[in-house]
Each structure stands twice: as structure tokens, then as C-alpha cells.
Amino acid sequence: MKVAFWVLALFFFAVAVTLGARYNSGYVLVVSPPYRIELSLNLLVAVLLALLFIAYFVVRLAVITIRLPTEVSDFRARRRREKAHAAMMDGLRAYFEGRYAKAESASAAALEMDQSPEAAAINAMIAARSAHELRRYSQRDEFISKAESSAPDETTLRVMTHAELLLDERRPEEALKILGSLRMKGDRQHTAALRLELKAQQLGRNWVAVLDLLRQLESRNALDTNLITQWRRYAYLEGFKSRTRDSQALKEYWQNISSSDKKDSKLAAAAASASAALGDCPTAHQIIEQSLDNQWDSELAELYGECPEGDAIRQIERAEGWLKSHPNDASLLLALGKLCAHCGLWGKAQNYLEASLSVEPSYTAHLALARLYEKIGRSEPARHHYDEGLKLALRRLESD
């Protein structure tokens, strides 16, 4: 529509000029002694217009000629950038497709081209990751060094990549040292950096640091809750293992655990077992009692009968109180049987152990009952329960 309008306008203009020129009888006299030139007005207008157009094109040609070197330079720079961008895209595509050799060569080629520091850092990191996947560790380190020299301000990108690759190579100490540079920059709050630091501390078996990092990540909702619970439990369990020779250190370690973490029955069982192994039965019982009062766990109930102390009668009364709420718990019945046997209450111990076997047969209950029969001089039932316990243990080993 717009083109038709302009064609129509030009047509009317041409008609108007033609009619004006046809009926225009004016002339122009140019005097330059001794010359006199007389021209029609129409011819003068035509000549002036022609000169105007010629002057315009001459000026345009001069401008283009002057700007030509700059245009050529800009064109070449643009072509180089386009070529570098295409190489970078090829490298990224090949990396995510798992073609690491091609990704390394494409990114390395892009790294040698004219590009911004940000693009140079990205190309260097893709090349480094690709070389790492190909187990070319020396080339990987060279690419990381190139990133540091060509893009010194892209510290986070370089450090995160380098630390991740070192952890994949199981070099946690070096990874922690590199991640420390982010803390010096004030980037410790970087969530992804905290995840990497957590992995490094786990590989380095620095369990106190692991627990601190888990608290930080939990406050940010940065990890799955079940995963945090599992890792925290493992860290605490490793902490118990390192204190299995010092009952006081073990006791202090348990006391310093937060009340919410003490609710984990697996931790309570580990702490109670470690305390019992060191002969600190009162602490083991206290841990078990507090945990079972808060949340019932059959494993802990069975542990309650493993370390009877002088006041075993109090333990029996406490366990019988739990039995009212958990009458069919085989582990609790087993613990009560062991406690009664320790106090010489043979009849009561026999009843509890047989009740445990009736609810859930176990090697431990058969063994406890066999030992009880031995103590009261009944060798035949004792032999029977030894045999039954051994058969049950073998069946479970075969099923596993």
C-alpha cells in the first residue's frame, strides 16, 4: 500500500513538472563580460538538479572511501566473533552430548579466537572438563591456567570448576584449599560452593566441619531432608567411632549433640553401644531410656538388656513399664529375659525368653535361653536351643 502511494505521488509530481515546464516561458540571463549566456529557466533547473545529484554521489563516494578501512576491519572482527561463537556452541553441544574429544578441540579453538573474557572463561572450563573426562589431567590444568590469565575476574567460575574436578579425582585437601579463595572473596555463602565443600570435608573425614556445613545447607533448604538426616547420622556415627577408647570424651560428645539430633534412634543406639563397650553402663541406660521415652525403637529395647548394672531390678521395672505399651515386642521381651536371668529370676527369665521366641524367633533369643538352661542344669533343652539358634542363623546367612 505504501509503495503504491509513493508511485502515485511520483506520477503526479512528474505530470506537474512536465506541465510546468511546458507552459513556463521564463529565461535566465547570465552575464560575465564579455560573455552573455541566455538559458531557459527549465534548462537551468534541470542543470542545477543534475549538479546537485552529482555532488551528492561524489560526497557519498568520498565518505565510503574514507570509511572503507574501518568497515573492513569491523567486518573482519564481526566474522571472527561469529566464528568464535560458533566454535563455542560446537564445544558446548559436543560436551553435553558426551563427545569429549570434539568438545575439547572445539573449545580450545574458540579459546584462541578474539572473544570477551566471559566467553574465554566458559570455553576454557568446557575444554578443562572435557580433558578431565578423557583423563588428560595435565591438559585440564593448562586450560584452567589459561582461564586465569585470560579472564582473571571470572574467579567463581574457575574455582568451582577446578574444585569439582579435583573432588572427582578424590583430592579433597587441594579442593578445600581452592575453595578457600572464595571465602577470602566473601563468597562463602555461595550454596553450590558449600555443597562442594561438604563433599570435600566428607572425603577428608572432617566430621565436625561436615556437621557445620549440613546445618548451613539445611537452613537454606539446599538439600533433600532425608539426605541431610542420613549424612548427619553418618557423621555422628563416625564421631562415636573416634571416641571408643575414652568414655568421658564419648559422654561429652553425646551431650554436645543437639536435642533434635538425639531423637534419632540410630544415633542413640550407637552411643549406647559405645558406652556399654567401654563399661559405662549407667550412661548407656540413660541414653536408651531417654530415647525410648521419646520414640519407641526395638533395637534400643534389645540393647537395654546387654549391659545390666548393679541395680538391674530397677531396669526390670522400667522395662516392664514399657511392656504395657508394647506387649508383643520380641526385642523388649528378650531384654527382659536377659535382665531377669542376670538377677537369677530363672522362671521369669524363661517365660520372657519363650515369649520372645513365640513372637519372633531369633538366634539371640535361642542363645539366651540355651545359656539359661545350662545355668539351671538342664542340658537337653540347652542343646536343643543351641541347635535351633544355629539353624536359624545359617538360614539367614543363606538368604542374605
Foldseek 3Di string as FASTA:
>chain_A
DVVVVVVVVVVVVVVVLVVCVVPQAAWDWDDDPPDIDIGHPNVVVVVVVVVVVVVVVVVVVVVCVVCVVVVVVVVVLVVLAVQLVVLQVQLVVCVVVVVLVSNLVSLVVSLPTDDALVSNLSSLLSNLVSCLVVVVNVSNVVSLVSNCVSRVPPLVSSLLSVLVSVVVVLPLVVNVVSLVVCVVVVNPLPLSSLVSNLSSCVSVLVLVVNLVSLVSCVVVVNDDPVVSLVSNLVSLLVVLVVCLAPLVVLVVSVVPDDPVNLLPVVSLLSSLVSCVSNVNNVVSLVSLLVNCVVPNDLSSLLSLQVRQDPVLVVVLVSLVVVCVVVVLRLSNLQSNLSSCVVVVVLVSSLVSLVSSCVSPNALSSLQSNLVSCVVVPNNVSSVVSNVVSVVVVVVVVVVD
